[in-house]
């Protein structure tokens, strides 16, 4: 069971167990409970789609080559972001 699934089991209004104790029992970070995840940016989704398209078309391409191809297409991206 992944962390998002375990986070879904958490009950904020539980009468006997505090949120802190529930996080300990479920092995979930409390910060992930209190702070909602940031939504993905449309630019990020587009870059991820383009990177995925290039990589599936040529799985032998490395991060440097994919970065160069994306920069040639007018995208501002660095190699670490392609690797991630």
C-alpha atoms as a PDB file:
ATOM      1  CA  UNK A   1       0.000   0.000   0.000  1.00  0.00           C
ATOM      2  CA  UNK A   2       1.474   3.334  -1.029  1.00  0.00           C
ATOM      3  CA  UNK A   3       1.699   6.535   0.983  1.00  0.00           C
ATOM      4  CA  UNK A   4      -1.287   8.191  -0.764  1.00  0.00           C
ATOM      5  CA  UNK A   5      -3.439   5.166   0.104  1.00  0.00           C
ATOM      6  CA  UNK A   6      -2.289   5.221   3.719  1.00  0.00           C
ATOM      7  CA  UNK A   7      -2.902   8.969   3.856  1.00  0.00           C
ATOM      8  CA  UNK A   8      -6.485   8.288   2.765  1.00  0.00           C
ATOM      9  CA  UNK A   9      -7.019   6.085   5.817  1.00  0.00           C
ATOM     10  CA  UNK A  10      -6.300   8.976   8.163  1.00  0.00           C
ATOM     11  CA  UNK A  11      -9.305  10.362  10.059  1.00  0.00           C
ATOM     12  CA  UNK A  12      -8.888  13.940  11.262  1.00  0.00           C
ATOM     13  CA  UNK A  13     -11.871  13.816  13.594  1.00  0.00           C
ATOM     14  CA  UNK A  14     -11.076  10.504  15.283  1.00  0.00           C
ATOM     15  CA  UNK A  15     -12.103  10.676  18.943  1.00  0.00           C
ATOM     16  CA  UNK A  16      -9.274   8.598  20.465  1.00  0.00           C
ATOM     17  CA  UNK A  17      -6.292   8.885  18.104  1.00  0.00           C
ATOM     18  CA  UNK A  18      -4.665  12.197  17.327  1.00  0.00           C
ATOM     19  CA  UNK A  19      -3.476  13.024  13.836  1.00  0.00           C
ATOM     20  CA  UNK A  20       0.083  12.738  15.105  1.00  0.00           C
ATOM     21  CA  UNK A  21      -0.431   9.210  16.423  1.00  0.00           C
ATOM     22  CA  UNK A  22      -2.283   8.104  13.286  1.00  0.00           C
ATOM     23  CA  UNK A  23       0.631   9.357  11.161  1.00  0.00           C
ATOM     24  CA  UNK A  24       3.033   7.341  13.292  1.00  0.00           C
ATOM     25  CA  UNK A  25       0.931   4.194  12.977  1.00  0.00           C
ATOM     26  CA  UNK A  26       0.436   4.592   9.222  1.00  0.00           C
ATOM     27  CA  UNK A  27       4.075   5.627   8.598  1.00  0.00           C
ATOM     28  CA  UNK A  28       3.010   8.856   6.926  1.00  0.00           C
ATOM     29  CA  UNK A  29       4.800  12.195   7.275  1.00  0.00           C
ATOM     30  CA  UNK A  30       2.675  14.709   9.138  1.00  0.00           C
ATOM     31  CA  UNK A  31       3.719  17.483   6.762  1.00  0.00           C
ATOM     32  CA  UNK A  32       2.040  15.626   3.896  1.00  0.00           C
ATOM     33  CA  UNK A  33      -1.206  15.560   5.882  1.00  0.00           C
ATOM     34  CA  UNK A  34      -1.327  19.230   6.793  1.00  0.00           C
ATOM     35  CA  UNK A  35      -0.048  20.710   3.547  1.00  0.00           C
ATOM     36  CA  UNK A  36      -2.020  19.838   0.401  1.00  0.00           C
ATOM     37  CA  UNK A  37       0.061  18.822  -2.641  1.00  0.00           C
ATOM     38  CA  UNK A  38       0.700  21.515  -5.208  1.00  0.00           C
ATOM     39  CA  UNK A  39      -1.114  20.958  -8.494  1.00  0.00           C
ATOM     40  CA  UNK A  40       1.026  20.237 -11.529  1.00  0.00           C
ATOM     41  CA  UNK A  41       1.737  23.158 -13.800  1.00  0.00           C
ATOM     42  CA  UNK A  42       0.479  22.933 -17.398  1.00  0.00           C
ATOM     43  CA  UNK A  43       3.991  23.712 -18.656  1.00  0.00           C
ATOM     44  CA  UNK A  44       5.387  20.848 -16.588  1.00  0.00           C
ATOM     45  CA  UNK A  45       2.839  18.429 -18.003  1.00  0.00           C
ATOM     46  CA  UNK A  46       3.636  19.509 -21.557  1.00  0.00           C
ATOM     47  CA  UNK A  47       7.391  19.110 -20.982  1.00  0.00           C
ATOM     48  CA  UNK A  48       6.863  15.692 -19.419  1.00  0.00           C
ATOM     49  CA  UNK A  49       4.737  14.631 -22.392  1.00  0.00           C
ATOM     50  CA  UNK A  50       7.341  15.812 -24.896  1.00  0.00           C
ATOM     51  CA  UNK A  51      10.200  14.192 -22.960  1.00  0.00           C
ATOM     52  CA  UNK A  52       8.283  10.931 -22.746  1.00  0.00           C
ATOM     53  CA  UNK A  53       7.526  11.042 -26.478  1.00  0.00           C
ATOM     54  CA  UNK A  54      11.203  11.555 -27.328  1.00  0.00           C
ATOM     55  CA  UNK A  55      12.352   8.819 -24.953  1.00  0.00           C
ATOM     56  CA  UNK A  56       9.830   6.218 -26.131  1.00  0.00           C
ATOM     57  CA  UNK A  57      10.766   7.017 -29.735  1.00  0.00           C
ATOM     58  CA  UNK A  58      14.457   6.495 -28.988  1.00  0.00           C
ATOM     59  CA  UNK A  59      15.143   4.782 -25.656  1.00  0.00           C
ATOM     60  CA  UNK A  60      18.857   4.869 -26.424  1.00  0.00           C
ATOM     61  CA  UNK A  61      18.879   8.679 -26.135  1.00  0.00           C
ATOM     62  CA  UNK A  62      20.461  10.103 -23.007  1.00  0.00           C
ATOM     63  CA  UNK A  63      19.418  13.089 -20.968  1.00  0.00           C
ATOM     64  CA  UNK A  64      21.903  15.372 -22.735  1.00  0.00           C
ATOM     65  CA  UNK A  65      20.580  14.516 -26.172  1.00  0.00           C
ATOM     66  CA  UNK A  66      16.932  14.829 -25.122  1.00  0.00           C
ATOM     67  CA  UNK A  67      17.742  18.197 -23.535  1.00  0.00           C
ATOM     68  CA  UNK A  68      19.377  19.363 -26.773  1.00  0.00           C
ATOM     69  CA  UNK A  69      16.389  18.221 -28.823  1.00  0.00           C
ATOM     70  CA  UNK A  70      13.951  20.035 -26.518  1.00  0.00           C
ATOM     71  CA  UNK A  71      16.074  23.192 -26.551  1.00  0.00           C
ATOM     72  CA  UNK A  72      16.134  23.004 -30.344  1.00  0.00           C
ATOM     73  CA  UNK A  73      12.333  22.942 -30.269  1.00  0.00           C
ATOM     74  CA  UNK A  74      12.300  26.109 -28.160  1.00  0.00           C
ATOM     75  CA  UNK A  75      11.806  24.654 -24.671  1.00  0.00           C
ATOM     76  CA  UNK A  76      13.757  26.053 -21.736  1.00  0.00           C
ATOM     77  CA  UNK A  77      14.896  22.993 -19.831  1.00  0.00           C
ATOM     78  CA  UNK A  78      18.061  21.711 -18.180  1.00  0.00           C
ATOM     79  CA  UNK A  79      19.509  18.224 -18.031  1.00  0.00           C
ATOM     80  CA  UNK A  80      18.616  17.569 -14.395  1.00  0.00           C
ATOM     81  CA  UNK A  81      14.968  18.186 -15.129  1.00  0.00           C
ATOM     82  CA  UNK A  82      15.076  15.771 -18.057  1.00  0.00           C
ATOM     83  CA  UNK A  83      16.670  13.158 -15.798  1.00  0.00           C
ATOM     84  CA  UNK A  84      13.991  13.644 -13.155  1.00  0.00           C
END
